[in-house]
């Protein structure tokens, strides 16, 4: 699979992240993040709303 280039920095690739919903169903491609550590671009879907650039963090779970 080829990943898209990051349009913000032009150096990184956007990598997909998945999650699980409230009922345990898999949510594929919930977020896309730039793999360039200096960039930090992200796009997420939460409850049907799209958000850009919010900091992603590792879950305590």
Protein backbone atom coordinates (compact mmCIF):
# COMPACT_ATOMS: atom_id res chain seq x y z
CA UNK A 1 0.00 0.00 0.00
CA UNK A 2 1.31 3.44 -0.88
CA UNK A 3 0.64 6.24 1.58
CA UNK A 4 -0.13 9.83 0.55
CA UNK A 5 2.41 12.60 0.99
CA UNK A 6 1.77 15.09 3.76
CA UNK A 7 0.51 18.31 2.15
CA UNK A 8 1.58 20.39 5.18
CA UNK A 9 5.31 19.62 5.30
CA UNK A 10 5.85 17.84 1.98
CA UNK A 11 8.45 15.59 3.61
CA UNK A 12 6.44 13.01 5.54
CA UNK A 13 3.85 10.43 4.66
CA UNK A 14 0.34 10.28 6.08
CA UNK A 15 -0.09 7.01 7.97
CA UNK A 16 -3.53 5.63 8.87
CA UNK A 17 -4.49 4.80 12.46
CA UNK A 18 -7.45 2.68 13.54
CA UNK A 19 -9.44 2.48 16.77
CA UNK A 20 -12.39 0.71 18.32
CA UNK A 21 -15.86 2.20 18.81
CA UNK A 22 -17.96 2.13 21.96
CA UNK A 23 -19.43 -1.25 21.04
CA UNK A 24 -16.04 -2.74 20.22
CA UNK A 25 -16.40 -2.49 16.44
CA UNK A 26 -13.23 -1.63 14.56
CA UNK A 27 -13.01 1.87 13.07
CA UNK A 28 -10.50 1.71 10.25
CA UNK A 29 -8.70 4.89 9.23
CA UNK A 30 -10.02 6.93 12.17
CA UNK A 31 -7.00 9.22 11.93
CA UNK A 32 -4.18 10.00 9.55
CA UNK A 33 -0.91 11.37 10.95
CA UNK A 34 2.28 12.64 9.36
CA UNK A 35 5.20 10.40 10.22
CA UNK A 36 7.61 13.36 10.16
CA UNK A 37 8.13 14.15 13.90
CA UNK A 38 8.77 17.83 13.15
CA UNK A 39 5.45 18.26 11.34
CA UNK A 40 2.72 17.00 13.67
CA UNK A 41 -0.12 17.24 11.11
CA UNK A 42 -3.12 15.04 11.81
CA UNK A 43 -6.67 14.61 10.63
CA UNK A 44 -9.24 12.71 12.73
CA UNK A 45 -12.86 11.68 12.68
CA UNK A 46 -14.64 11.86 16.06
CA UNK A 47 -18.40 11.33 16.30
CA UNK A 48 -18.77 12.24 12.63
CA UNK A 49 -16.77 15.48 12.93
CA UNK A 50 -13.47 16.01 11.15
CA UNK A 51 -10.71 17.81 13.05
CA UNK A 52 -7.27 18.91 11.85
CA UNK A 53 -4.03 19.38 13.71
CA UNK A 54 -5.14 18.39 17.21
CA UNK A 55 -2.27 16.85 19.08
CA UNK A 56 -2.35 13.08 19.11
CA UNK A 57 -1.27 11.34 22.25
CA UNK A 58 -0.80 7.79 23.41
CA UNK A 59 -3.75 6.46 25.35
CA UNK A 60 -3.31 5.48 28.99
CA UNK A 61 -5.44 2.36 28.31
